[in-house]
C-alpha atoms as a PDB file:
ATOM      1  CA  MET A   1       0.000   0.000   0.000  1.00  0.00           C
ATOM      2  CA  LEU A   2       2.856   2.368   0.941  1.00  0.00           C
ATOM      3  CA  ARG A   3       4.722   1.530  -2.280  1.00  0.00           C
ATOM      4  CA  GLN A   4       1.572   2.187  -4.312  1.00  0.00           C
ATOM      5  CA  SER A   5       1.185   5.611  -2.625  1.00  0.00           C
ATOM      6  CA  VAL A   6       4.821   6.458  -3.404  1.00  0.00           C
ATOM      7  CA  ASP A   7       4.297   5.448  -7.038  1.00  0.00           C
ATOM      8  CA  VAL A   8       1.218   7.655  -7.284  1.00  0.00           C
ATOM      9  CA  ALA A   9       3.090  10.581  -5.709  1.00  0.00           C
ATOM     10  CA  ARG A  10       6.038  10.056  -8.072  1.00  0.00           C
ATOM     11  CA  ARG A  11       3.769   9.976 -11.099  1.00  0.00           C
ATOM     12  CA  GLY A  12       2.055  13.161  -9.951  1.00  0.00           C
ATOM     13  CA  GLN A  13       5.392  14.871  -9.414  1.00  0.00           C
ATOM     14  CA  ASP A  14       6.519  13.806 -12.885  1.00  0.00           C
ATOM     15  CA  LEU A  15       3.335  15.227 -14.382  1.00  0.00           C
ATOM     16  CA  ASP A  16       3.893  18.500 -12.561  1.00  0.00           C
ATOM     17  CA  ARG A  17       7.399  18.698 -13.983  1.00  0.00           C
ATOM     18  CA  LEU A  18       6.118  17.885 -17.472  1.00  0.00           C
ATOM     19  CA  GLN A  19       3.480  20.596 -17.262  1.00  0.00           C
ATOM     20  CA  ALA A  20       6.121  23.067 -16.105  1.00  0.00           C
ATOM     21  CA  LEU A  21       8.232  22.222 -19.153  1.00  0.00           C
ATOM     22  CA  ALA A  22       5.209  22.610 -21.415  1.00  0.00           C
ATOM     23  CA  GLY A  23       4.353  25.954 -19.824  1.00  0.00           C
ATOM     24  CA  ALA A  24       7.809  27.282 -20.691  1.00  0.00           C
ATOM     25  CA  ARG A  25       7.551  26.041 -24.281  1.00  0.00           C
ATOM     26  CA  GLY A  26       4.136  27.177 -25.392  1.00  0.00           C
ATOM     27  CA  GLY A  27       2.318  23.984 -24.401  1.00  0.00           C
ATOM     28  CA  VAL A  28       4.531  21.437 -26.170  1.00  0.00           C
ATOM     29  CA  VAL A  29       7.091  18.869 -25.033  1.00  0.00           C
ATOM     30  CA  SER A  30       9.456  16.484 -26.774  1.00  0.00           C
ATOM     31  CA  PRO A  31       9.586  12.673 -26.638  1.00  0.00           C
ATOM     32  CA  ALA A  32      12.751  13.036 -24.570  1.00  0.00           C
ATOM     33  CA  ASP A  33      10.876  15.219 -22.056  1.00  0.00           C
ATOM     34  CA  LEU A  34       8.169  12.581 -21.784  1.00  0.00           C
ATOM     35  CA  ALA A  35      10.710   9.825 -21.169  1.00  0.00           C
ATOM     36  CA  ASP A  36      12.614  11.917 -18.605  1.00  0.00           C
ATOM     37  CA  CYS A  37       9.372  12.472 -16.707  1.00  0.00           C
ATOM     38  CA  GLY A  38       8.656   8.756 -16.559  1.00  0.00           C
ATOM     39  CA  PHE A  39       6.025   8.407 -19.296  1.00  0.00           C
ATOM     40  CA  SER A  40       6.438   5.236 -21.334  1.00  0.00           C
ATOM     41  CA  THR A  41       5.636   5.033 -25.045  1.00  0.00           C
ATOM     42  CA  GLY A  42       2.464   3.139 -24.169  1.00  0.00           C
ATOM     43  CA  ALA A  43       1.364   5.748 -21.640  1.00  0.00           C
ATOM     44  CA  VAL A  44       1.879   8.509 -24.209  1.00  0.00           C
ATOM     45  CA  ARG A  45      -0.128   6.588 -26.813  1.00  0.00           C
ATOM     46  CA  ARG A  46      -2.999   6.103 -24.364  1.00  0.00           C
ATOM     47  CA  ARG A  47      -3.216   9.800 -23.536  1.00  0.00           C
ATOM     48  CA  ILE A  48      -3.154  10.706 -27.226  1.00  0.00           C
ATOM     49  CA  ALA A  49      -5.843   8.095 -27.963  1.00  0.00           C
ATOM     50  CA  GLU A  50      -8.101   9.420 -25.203  1.00  0.00           C
ATOM     51  CA  GLY A  51      -7.630  12.984 -26.499  1.00  0.00           C
ATOM     52  CA  SER A  52      -5.942  14.610 -23.520  1.00  0.00           C
ATOM     53  CA  TRP A  53      -2.707  15.076 -25.522  1.00  0.00           C
ATOM     54  CA  GLN A  54      -2.054  15.522 -29.236  1.00  0.00           C
ATOM     55  CA  ARG A  55       0.899  14.747 -31.435  1.00  0.00           C
ATOM     56  CA  MET A  56       2.064  17.508 -33.785  1.00  0.00           C
ATOM     57  CA  GLY A  57       5.151  16.883 -35.867  1.00  0.00           C
ATOM     58  CA  GLY A  58       7.880  15.697 -33.539  1.00  0.00           C
ATOM     59  CA  ALA A  59       6.255  17.262 -30.480  1.00  0.00           C
ATOM     60  CA  VAL A  60       3.391  16.402 -28.163  1.00  0.00           C
ATOM     61  CA  VAL A  61       0.891  19.087 -27.247  1.00  0.00           C
ATOM     62  CA  LEU A  62      -0.446  18.858 -23.714  1.00  0.00           C
ATOM     63  CA  ALA A  63      -3.948  20.022 -24.633  1.00  0.00           C
ATOM     64  CA  PRO A  64      -7.307  18.293 -25.091  1.00  0.00           C
ATOM     65  CA  ALA A  65      -8.362  17.244 -28.575  1.00  0.00           C
ATOM     66  CA  LEU A  66     -10.660  19.679 -30.364  1.00  0.00           C
ATOM     67  CA  GLY A  67     -11.336  17.595 -33.456  1.00  0.00           C
ATOM     68  CA  LYS A  68      -8.407  19.199 -35.281  1.00  0.00           C
ATOM     69  CA  LEU A  69      -4.820  20.214 -34.673  1.00  0.00           C
ATOM     70  CA  PRO A  70      -4.505  22.572 -31.712  1.00  0.00           C
ATOM     71  CA  HIS A  71      -3.830  26.257 -32.150  1.00  0.00           C
ATOM     72  CA  LEU A  72      -0.317  27.029 -30.950  1.00  0.00           C
ATOM     73  CA  ASP A  73       1.098  30.436 -30.215  1.00  0.00           C
ATOM     74  CA  ASP A  74       4.427  31.479 -31.754  1.00  0.00           C
ATOM     75  CA  LEU A  75       6.438  30.025 -28.880  1.00  0.00           C
ATOM     76  CA  GLY A  76       4.681  26.656 -29.082  1.00  0.00           C
ATOM     77  CA  MET A  77       5.022  26.501 -32.868  1.00  0.00           C
ATOM     78  CA  SER A  78       8.717  27.409 -32.693  1.00  0.00           C
ATOM     79  CA  TRP A  79       9.394  24.612 -30.190  1.00  0.00           C
ATOM     80  CA  THR A  80       7.342  22.217 -32.332  1.00  0.00           C
ATOM     81  CA  LEU A  81       9.626  22.978 -35.289  1.00  0.00           C
ATOM     82  CA  ARG A  82      12.661  22.580 -33.068  1.00  0.00           C
ATOM     83  CA  PHE A  83      11.489  19.171 -31.777  1.00  0.00           C
ATOM     84  CA  THR A  84      10.522  18.036 -35.287  1.00  0.00           C
ATOM     85  CA  PHE A  85      13.652  19.033 -37.182  1.00  0.00           C
ATOM     86  CA  GLY A  86      16.290  18.709 -34.484  1.00  0.00           C
ATOM     87  CA  PRO A  87      18.392  20.849 -32.141  1.00  0.00           C
ATOM     88  CA  HIS A  88      20.270  22.600 -34.972  1.00  0.00           C
ATOM     89  CA  ALA A  89      17.155  23.797 -36.810  1.00  0.00           C
ATOM     90  CA  ARG A  90      16.859  27.566 -37.178  1.00  0.00           C
ATOM     91  CA  VAL A  91      13.374  29.034 -37.140  1.00  0.00           C
ATOM     92  CA  SER A  92      12.734  31.423 -40.028  1.00  0.00           C
ATOM     93  CA  GLY A  93       9.670  32.778 -41.839  1.00  0.00           C
ATOM     94  CA  THR A  94       7.028  34.825 -40.079  1.00  0.00           C
ATOM     95  CA  LEU A  95       7.808  33.281 -36.686  1.00  0.00           C
ATOM     96  CA  ALA A  96      11.282  34.831 -36.833  1.00  0.00           C
ATOM     97  CA  LEU A  97       9.868  38.126 -38.118  1.00  0.00           C
ATOM     98  CA  ARG A  98       7.398  38.391 -35.244  1.00  0.00           C
ATOM     99  CA  GLN A  99      10.140  37.420 -32.799  1.00  0.00           C
ATOM    100  CA  ALA A 100      11.881  40.606 -34.001  1.00  0.00           C
ATOM    101  CA  ARG A 101       8.566  42.556 -33.716  1.00  0.00           C
ATOM    102  CA  TRP A 102       8.059  42.730 -37.468  1.00  0.00           C
ATOM    103  CA  HIS A 103       4.298  42.300 -37.976  1.00  0.00           C
ATOM    104  CA  VAL A 104       3.498  41.307 -41.545  1.00  0.00           C
ATOM    105  CA  PRO A 105       0.362  40.348 -43.539  1.00  0.00           C
ATOM    106  CA  THR A 106       1.325  36.760 -44.249  1.00  0.00           C
ATOM    107  CA  GLU A 107       1.895  33.447 -42.487  1.00  0.00           C
ATOM    108  CA  VAL A 108       4.600  31.095 -43.736  1.00  0.00           C
ATOM    109  CA  HIS A 109       6.536  28.581 -41.618  1.00  0.00           C
ATOM    110  CA  ILE A 110      10.147  27.991 -42.617  1.00  0.00           C
ATOM    111  CA  VAL A 111      12.996  26.018 -41.039  1.00  0.00           C
ATOM    112  CA  VAL A 112      16.632  26.431 -42.035  1.00  0.00           C
ATOM    113  CA  LEU A 113      18.945  23.431 -41.788  1.00  0.00           C
ATOM    114  CA  GLU A 114      22.567  22.844 -42.668  1.00  0.00           C
ATOM    115  CA  GLU A 115      22.067  19.182 -43.555  1.00  0.00           C
ATOM    116  CA  LYS A 116      19.441  17.238 -45.465  1.00  0.00           C
ATOM    117  CA  PRO A 117      16.291  17.043 -43.294  1.00  0.00           C
ATOM    118  CA  HIS A 118      15.455  13.733 -41.610  1.00  0.00           C
ATOM    119  CA  ALA A 119      11.846  14.771 -40.982  1.00  0.00           C
ATOM    120  CA  GLN A 120       9.059  16.656 -42.645  1.00  0.00           C
ATOM    121  CA  MET A 121       5.977  18.484 -41.467  1.00  0.00           C
ATOM    122  CA  SER A 122       2.907  19.581 -43.366  1.00  0.00           C
ATOM    123  CA  GLY A 123       2.843  23.313 -44.063  1.00  0.00           C
ATOM    124  CA  VAL A 124       6.535  23.809 -43.264  1.00  0.00           C
ATOM    125  CA  THR A 125       9.183  24.637 -45.882  1.00  0.00           C
ATOM    126  CA  VAL A 126      12.767  23.518 -45.275  1.00  0.00           C
ATOM    127  CA  ILE A 127      15.624  25.617 -46.650  1.00  0.00           C
ATOM    128  CA  ARG A 128      19.187  24.336 -46.553  1.00  0.00           C
ATOM    129  CA  ARG A 129      21.826  26.945 -45.775  1.00  0.00           C
ATOM    130  CA  ALA A 130      25.141  27.038 -43.958  1.00  0.00           C
ATOM    131  CA  GLY A 131      25.069  28.151 -40.365  1.00  0.00           C
ATOM    132  CA  LYS A 132      26.524  31.322 -38.907  1.00  0.00           C
ATOM    133  CA  GLY A 133      28.783  30.935 -35.914  1.00  0.00           C
ATOM    134  CA  ARG A 134      28.564  28.313 -33.205  1.00  0.00           C
ATOM    135  CA  ARG A 135      25.697  25.869 -32.989  1.00  0.00           C
ATOM    136  CA  PRO A 136      23.181  26.510 -30.216  1.00  0.00           C
ATOM    137  CA  ARG A 137      22.691  24.472 -27.074  1.00  0.00           C
ATOM    138  CA  ALA A 138      20.194  21.646 -27.429  1.00  0.00           C
ATOM    139  CA  ASP A 139      17.703  23.254 -25.019  1.00  0.00           C
ATOM    140  CA  THR A 140      17.391  26.613 -26.815  1.00  0.00           C
ATOM    141  CA  LEU A 141      15.599  28.064 -29.813  1.00  0.00           C
ATOM    142  CA  ARG A 142      17.481  29.716 -32.621  1.00  0.00           C
ATOM    143  CA  PHE A 143      15.855  32.288 -34.900  1.00  0.00           C
ATOM    144  CA  GLU A 144      17.142  33.640 -38.166  1.00  0.00           C
ATOM    145  CA  SER A 145      17.673  37.416 -38.316  1.00  0.00           C
ATOM    146  CA  PRO A 146      14.608  39.343 -39.529  1.00  0.00           C
ATOM    147  CA  ARG A 147      16.343  40.307 -42.774  1.00  0.00           C
ATOM    148  CA  ASP A 148      17.235  36.676 -43.520  1.00  0.00           C
ATOM    149  CA  ALA A 149      13.738  35.565 -42.507  1.00  0.00           C
ATOM    150  CA  LEU A 150      12.242  38.165 -44.845  1.00  0.00           C
ATOM    151  CA  LEU A 151      14.341  36.888 -47.751  1.00  0.00           C
ATOM    152  CA  ASP A 152      13.312  33.308 -46.948  1.00  0.00           C
ATOM    153  CA  CYS A 153       9.641  34.344 -47.039  1.00  0.00           C
ATOM    154  CA  LEU A 154      10.098  36.135 -50.358  1.00  0.00           C
ATOM    155  CA  THR A 155      11.833  33.067 -51.755  1.00  0.00           C
ATOM    156  CA  VAL A 156       8.943  30.669 -51.085  1.00  0.00           C
ATOM    157  CA  LEU A 157       5.837  32.882 -51.315  1.00  0.00           C
ATOM    158  CA  PRO A 158       3.750  33.205 -54.512  1.00  0.00           C
ATOM    159  CA  ALA A 159       4.498  36.364 -56.505  1.00  0.00           C
ATOM    160  CA  ALA A 160       1.452  38.379 -55.348  1.00  0.00           C
ATOM    161  CA  ALA A 161       1.973  37.539 -51.665  1.00  0.00           C
ATOM    162  CA  ALA A 162       5.676  38.390 -51.971  1.00  0.00           C
ATOM    163  CA  ARG A 163       4.831  41.800 -53.440  1.00  0.00           C
ATOM    164  CA  ASP A 164       2.392  42.482 -50.602  1.00  0.00           C
ATOM    165  CA  LEU A 165       5.021  41.511 -48.061  1.00  0.00           C
ATOM    166  CA  VAL A 166       7.596  43.833 -49.641  1.00  0.00           C
ATOM    167  CA  ASP A 167       5.064  46.677 -49.596  1.00  0.00           C
ATOM    168  CA  ALA A 168       4.267  46.028 -45.924  1.00  0.00           C
ATOM    169  CA  VAL A 169       7.854  45.935 -44.619  1.00  0.00           C
ATOM    170  CA  LEU A 170       8.810  49.051 -46.577  1.00  0.00           C
ATOM    171  CA  GLN A 171       5.728  50.995 -45.534  1.00  0.00           C
ATOM    172  CA  LYS A 172       6.247  50.099 -41.884  1.00  0.00           C
ATOM    173  CA  ARG A 173       9.919  51.067 -42.272  1.00  0.00           C
ATOM    174  CA  TYR A 174      11.233  47.769 -40.951  1.00  0.00           C
ATOM    175  CA  VAL A 175      13.921  47.966 -43.621  1.00  0.00           C
ATOM    176  CA  ARG A 176      14.991  50.660 -46.057  1.00  0.00           C
ATOM    177  CA  PRO A 177      14.571  50.114 -49.815  1.00  0.00           C
ATOM    178  CA  GLU A 178      18.285  50.275 -50.547  1.00  0.00           C
ATOM    179  CA  VAL A 179      19.028  47.745 -47.794  1.00  0.00           C
ATOM    180  CA  LEU A 180      16.360  45.327 -49.041  1.00  0.00           C
ATOM    181  CA  ALA A 181      17.615  45.686 -52.613  1.00  0.00           C
ATOM    182  CA  ARG A 182      21.143  44.868 -51.442  1.00  0.00           C
ATOM    183  CA  ASP A 183      19.894  41.874 -49.458  1.00  0.00           C
ATOM    184  CA  LEU A 184      17.929  40.561 -52.436  1.00  0.00           C
ATOM    185  CA  SER A 185      21.051  40.768 -54.610  1.00  0.00           C
ATOM    186  CA  THR A 186      22.713  38.148 -52.396  1.00  0.00           C
ATOM    187  CA  ARG A 187      20.061  35.580 -53.401  1.00  0.00           C
ATOM    188  CA  LEU A 188      20.223  36.113 -57.178  1.00  0.00           C
ATOM    189  CA  GLY A 189      23.038  33.741 -58.111  1.00  0.00           C
ATOM    190  CA  ARG A 190      22.626  31.227 -60.894  1.00  0.00           C
ATOM    191  CA  GLY A 191      20.667  28.187 -59.779  1.00  0.00           C
ATOM    192  CA  ARG A 192      19.441  29.872 -56.591  1.00  0.00           C
ATOM    193  CA  ARG A 193      15.883  29.127 -55.530  1.00  0.00           C
ATOM    194  CA  ASN A 194      13.307  31.469 -57.139  1.00  0.00           C
ATOM    195  CA  ALA A 195      16.057  33.777 -58.415  1.00  0.00           C
ATOM    196  CA  ALA A 196      13.798  35.127 -61.174  1.00  0.00           C
ATOM    197  CA  GLY A 197      11.058  36.103 -58.714  1.00  0.00           C
ATOM    198  CA  LEU A 198      13.550  37.728 -56.354  1.00  0.00           C
ATOM    199  CA  ARG A 199      15.077  39.651 -59.269  1.00  0.00           C
ATOM    200  CA  ARG A 200      11.662  41.106 -60.125  1.00  0.00           C
ATOM    201  CA  LEU A 201      11.216  42.132 -56.482  1.00  0.00           C
ATOM    202  CA  ALA A 202      14.651  43.785 -56.492  1.00  0.00           C
ATOM    203  CA  GLU A 203      13.671  45.811 -59.561  1.00  0.00           C
ATOM    204  CA  ARG A 204      10.460  46.821 -57.838  1.00  0.00           C
ATOM    205  CA  VAL A 205      12.288  47.922 -54.680  1.00  0.00           C
ATOM    206  CA  THR A 206      14.781  50.065 -56.637  1.00  0.00           C
ATOM    207  CA  SER A 207      12.012  51.886 -58.541  1.00  0.00           C
ATOM    208  CA  GLY A 208      12.253  54.857 -56.167  1.00  0.00           C
ATOM    209  CA  SER A 209       9.169  54.470 -53.953  1.00  0.00           C
ATOM    210  CA  ARG A 210       8.281  52.128 -51.139  1.00  0.00           C
ATOM    211  CA  SER A 211       5.238  50.354 -52.527  1.00  0.00           C
ATOM    212  CA  GLU A 212       2.935  49.918 -55.487  1.00  0.00           C
ATOM    213  CA  ALA A 213       0.491  52.310 -53.824  1.00  0.00           C
ATOM    214  CA  GLU A 214       3.197  54.974 -53.595  1.00  0.00           C
ATOM    215  CA  GLN A 215       4.136  54.404 -57.225  1.00  0.00           C
ATOM    216  CA  ARG A 216       0.519  54.997 -58.235  1.00  0.00           C
ATOM    217  CA  MET A 217       0.373  58.016 -55.952  1.00  0.00           C
ATOM    218  CA  ALA A 218       3.409  59.462 -57.725  1.00  0.00           C
ATOM    219  CA  LEU A 219       1.596  59.139 -61.063  1.00  0.00           C
ATOM    220  CA  LEU A 220      -1.451  60.941 -59.661  1.00  0.00           C
ATOM    221  CA  LEU A 221       0.720  63.759 -58.311  1.00  0.00           C
ATOM    222  CA  ARG A 222       2.279  64.244 -61.725  1.00  0.00           C
ATOM    223  CA  ARG A 223      -1.218  64.389 -63.220  1.00  0.00           C
ATOM    224  CA  SER A 224      -2.262  66.936 -60.584  1.00  0.00           C
ATOM    225  CA  ARG A 225       0.388  69.428 -61.792  1.00  0.00           C
ATOM    226  CA  THR A 226       0.799  70.758 -58.283  1.00  0.00           C
ATOM    227  CA  GLY A 227       4.555  71.203 -58.254  1.00  0.00           C
ATOM    228  CA  ALA A 228       7.480  69.161 -57.012  1.00  0.00           C
ATOM    229  CA  TRP A 229       6.855  66.309 -54.572  1.00  0.00           C
ATOM    230  CA  ALA A 230       9.666  64.532 -52.707  1.00  0.00           C
ATOM    231  CA  PRO A 231       9.297  60.793 -51.879  1.00  0.00           C
ATOM    232  CA  ASN A 232      10.555  59.407 -48.559  1.00  0.00           C
ATOM    233  CA  PHE A 233      11.333  62.865 -47.229  1.00  0.00           C
ATOM    234  CA  PRO A 234      13.041  63.108 -43.792  1.00  0.00           C
ATOM    235  CA  VAL A 235      11.758  65.860 -41.495  1.00  0.00           C
ATOM    236  CA  ARG A 236      14.478  67.086 -39.133  1.00  0.00           C
ATOM    237  CA  ASP A 237      14.455  69.159 -35.972  1.00  0.00           C
ATOM    238  CA  THR A 238      16.652  72.185 -35.323  1.00  0.00           C
ATOM    239  CA  ALA A 239      19.501  69.869 -34.245  1.00  0.00           C
ATOM    240  CA  GLY A 240      19.394  67.997 -37.543  1.00  0.00           C
ATOM    241  CA  ARG A 241      17.873  64.818 -36.107  1.00  0.00           C
ATOM    242  CA  VAL A 242      15.258  62.992 -38.162  1.00  0.00           C
ATOM    243  CA  ARG A 243      11.924  63.239 -36.333  1.00  0.00           C
ATOM    244  CA  ALA A 244       9.719  61.728 -39.038  1.00  0.00           C
ATOM    245  CA  GLU A 245       9.988  60.260 -42.511  1.00  0.00           C
ATOM    246  CA  ILE A 246       7.203  61.178 -44.918  1.00  0.00           C
ATOM    247  CA  ASP A 247       5.940  58.969 -47.749  1.00  0.00           C
ATOM    248  CA  VAL A 248       5.581  62.008 -50.043  1.00  0.00           C
ATOM    249  CA  ALA A 249       6.102  65.688 -49.207  1.00  0.00           C
ATOM    250  CA  HIS A 250       5.556  69.050 -50.851  1.00  0.00           C
ATOM    251  CA  VAL A 251       8.356  70.760 -48.966  1.00  0.00           C
ATOM    252  CA  GLY A 252       7.645  74.319 -50.060  1.00  0.00           C
ATOM    253  CA  LEU A 253       4.007  74.180 -48.934  1.00  0.00           C
ATOM    254  CA  ARG A 254       4.591  71.786 -46.000  1.00  0.00           C
ATOM    255  CA  ILE A 255       2.100  69.158 -47.149  1.00  0.00           C
ATOM    256  CA  VAL A 256       2.430  65.517 -46.093  1.00  0.00           C
ATOM    257  CA  ILE A 257       0.900  62.614 -48.006  1.00  0.00           C
ATOM    258  CA  GLU A 258       0.801  59.261 -46.224  1.00  0.00           C
ATOM    259  CA  VAL A 259      -0.153  56.207 -48.264  1.00  0.00           C
ATOM    260  CA  ASP A 260      -1.724  53.005 -46.906  1.00  0.00           C
ATOM    261  CA  GLY A 261      -0.735  50.301 -49.383  1.00  0.00           C
ATOM    262  CA  ARG A 262      -2.734  47.328 -50.601  1.00  0.00           C
ATOM    263  CA  ALA A 263      -1.167  45.093 -47.942  1.00  0.00           C
ATOM    264  CA  PHE A 264      -1.490  47.670 -45.151  1.00  0.00           C
ATOM    265  CA  HIS A 265      -2.411  46.157 -41.777  1.00  0.00           C
ATOM    266  CA  SER A 266      -1.746  48.318 -38.739  1.00  0.00           C
ATOM    267  CA  ASP A 267      -0.651  46.618 -35.522  1.00  0.00           C
ATOM    268  CA  ARG A 268      -0.623  48.341 -32.150  1.00  0.00           C
ATOM    269  CA  HIS A 269       3.093  49.220 -32.330  1.00  0.00           C
ATOM    270  CA  ALA A 270       2.733  50.715 -35.834  1.00  0.00           C
ATOM    271  CA  PHE A 271      -0.451  52.538 -34.776  1.00  0.00           C
ATOM    272  CA  GLU A 272       1.341  54.221 -31.879  1.00  0.00           C
ATOM    273  CA  GLY A 273       4.286  55.168 -34.111  1.00  0.00           C
ATOM    274  CA  ASP A 274       2.004  56.625 -36.771  1.00  0.00           C
ATOM    275  CA  ARG A 275       0.168  58.786 -34.240  1.00  0.00           C
ATOM    276  CA  GLU A 276       3.404  60.042 -32.701  1.00  0.00           C
ATOM    277  CA  ARG A 277       4.761  60.981 -36.134  1.00  0.00           C
ATOM    278  CA  GLN A 278       1.483  62.696 -37.030  1.00  0.00           C
ATOM    279  CA  ASN A 279       1.617  64.790 -33.847  1.00  0.00           C
ATOM    280  CA  VAL A 280       5.188  65.866 -34.579  1.00  0.00           C
ATOM    281  CA  LEU A 281       4.237  66.947 -38.093  1.00  0.00           C
ATOM    282  CA  SER A 282       1.056  68.768 -37.002  1.00  0.00           C
ATOM    283  CA  ILE A 283       2.940  70.761 -34.364  1.00  0.00           C
ATOM    284  CA  GLY A 284       5.472  71.690 -37.043  1.00  0.00           C
ATOM    285  CA  GLY A 285       2.767  73.172 -39.250  1.00  0.00           C
ATOM    286  CA  TRP A 286       2.502  70.385 -41.819  1.00  0.00           C
ATOM    287  CA  LEU A 287      -0.855  69.626 -43.446  1.00  0.00           C
ATOM    288  CA  ILE A 288      -1.369  65.846 -43.454  1.00  0.00           C
ATOM    289  CA  LEU A 289      -3.306  63.966 -46.123  1.00  0.00           C
ATOM    290  CA  ARG A 290      -3.774  60.192 -45.961  1.00  0.00           C
ATOM    291  CA  PHE A 291      -4.987  57.971 -48.804  1.00  0.00           C
ATOM    292  CA  THR A 292      -5.794  54.271 -48.895  1.00  0.00           C
ATOM    293  CA  TRP A 293      -5.036  51.792 -51.661  1.00  0.00           C
ATOM    294  CA  GLU A 294      -8.723  51.691 -52.600  1.00  0.00           C
ATOM    295  CA  GLN A 295      -8.885  55.484 -52.948  1.00  0.00           C
ATOM    296  CA  ILE A 296      -5.713  55.648 -55.032  1.00  0.00           C
ATOM    297  CA  SER A 297      -6.629  52.759 -57.328  1.00  0.00           C
ATOM    298  CA  GLN A 298     -10.408  53.262 -57.608  1.00  0.00           C
ATOM    299  CA  GLN A 299     -10.994  56.989 -57.022  1.00  0.00           C
ATOM    300  CA  PRO A 300      -8.008  58.761 -58.608  1.00  0.00           C
ATOM    301  CA  ALA A 301     -10.015  61.885 -59.551  1.00  0.00           C
ATOM    302  CA  LYS A 302     -11.061  62.420 -55.918  1.00  0.00           C
ATOM    303  CA  VAL A 303      -7.455  61.969 -54.770  1.00  0.00           C
ATOM    304  CA  ILE A 304      -6.213  64.540 -57.275  1.00  0.00           C
ATOM    305  CA  ALA A 305      -8.985  66.963 -56.247  1.00  0.00           C
ATOM    306  CA  ALA A 306      -8.031  66.607 -52.558  1.00  0.00           C
ATOM    307  CA  VAL A 307      -4.373  67.247 -53.363  1.00  0.00           C
ATOM    308  CA  ARG A 308      -5.183  70.349 -55.410  1.00  0.00           C
ATOM    309  CA  ALA A 309      -7.413  71.671 -52.606  1.00  0.00           C
ATOM    310  CA  ALA A 310      -4.632  71.142 -50.072  1.00  0.00           C
ATOM    311  CA  VAL A 311      -2.119  72.951 -52.298  1.00  0.00           C
ATOM    312  CA  ALA A 312      -4.521  75.882 -52.783  1.00  0.00           C
ATOM    313  CA  HIS A 313      -5.116  76.091 -49.028  1.00  0.00           C
ATOM    314  CA  GLN A 314      -1.466  75.981 -48.041  1.00  0.00           C
ATOM    315  CA  ALA A 315      -0.529  78.567 -50.663  1.00  0.00           C
ATOM    316  CA  THR A 316      -2.609  81.112 -48.736  1.00  0.00           C
ATOM    317  CA  GLN A 317      -0.970  80.358 -45.372  1.00  0.00           C
ATOM    318  CA  PRO A 318       1.917  82.348 -43.913  1.00  0.00           C
ATOM    319  CA  PRO A 319       5.281  80.510 -43.867  1.00  0.00           C
ATOM    320  CA  THR A 320       6.106  78.442 -40.789  1.00  0.00           C
ATOM    321  CA  LEU A 321       9.440  79.073 -39.084  1.00  0.00           C
ATOM    322  CA  GLY A 322      11.764  76.355 -37.864  1.00  0.00           C
ATOM    323  CA  ALA A 323      12.954  72.978 -39.063  1.00  0.00           C
ATOM    324  CA  LEU A 324       9.676  71.357 -38.130  1.00  0.00           C
END
């Protein structure tokens, strides 16, 4: 009786430890974790069969069955990839982008390996690439840099989704056009994966504006015949520091045009940044106009009329002193 009580206590303690591991890893554990906590292969199978646990790739999710695969947060999905593809797998794709606080309008799971993969997982793309520096410890996650993760996404996404992603990262100023163009050039070698698609994206990035919406806006401004407009204009304070960067600016009349591209999706961080920039510009005497992709593409006459009205209004205003 005493031995049975000890066994029950030990099993409970093992379960507590397993749940603690799962809590630190987004709800997932590895087969090694299960073995270390005293769960035999048969015991794991029984819990999966009864629906209290679920298998996903090379991981086990400690969650009840819902009739389909469980929803994992980014941490749980990252550990699932790590347990599926091994300790040297590097997490890329949108998981790595969000890890770096880049919020983008797409979802693509990518793992980077140095060697040929010994596993596969539905919905996950494997890219083989040499590692950088020392290999990580077996109990850690390793994420690709956001710029590498972005290139990986652009390599595997369909052309339209890749264009939307480029528009989003440039509009949110996660990376500058010249930097992205330089990064893309590193993936254009002969025989490289999707080199033709990446080359078209590089040409798009070097066209002089941040997105397709801004390119169309530039055409409308030329049609408006309202003077010279400067793309990607930096607004500086009296000390020469950049306080805001404007999509398009009429510097002489202090008019700002902000463009929400086709792939525009504002997250809380971007929302706060946009409002702060808008306040800085308003205090500095700039008139702010904002146009959406739908307005630019479907109502060009109204956009041109609004621009001309803004130019006429500002032309009657006294000049504003100061850098802002």
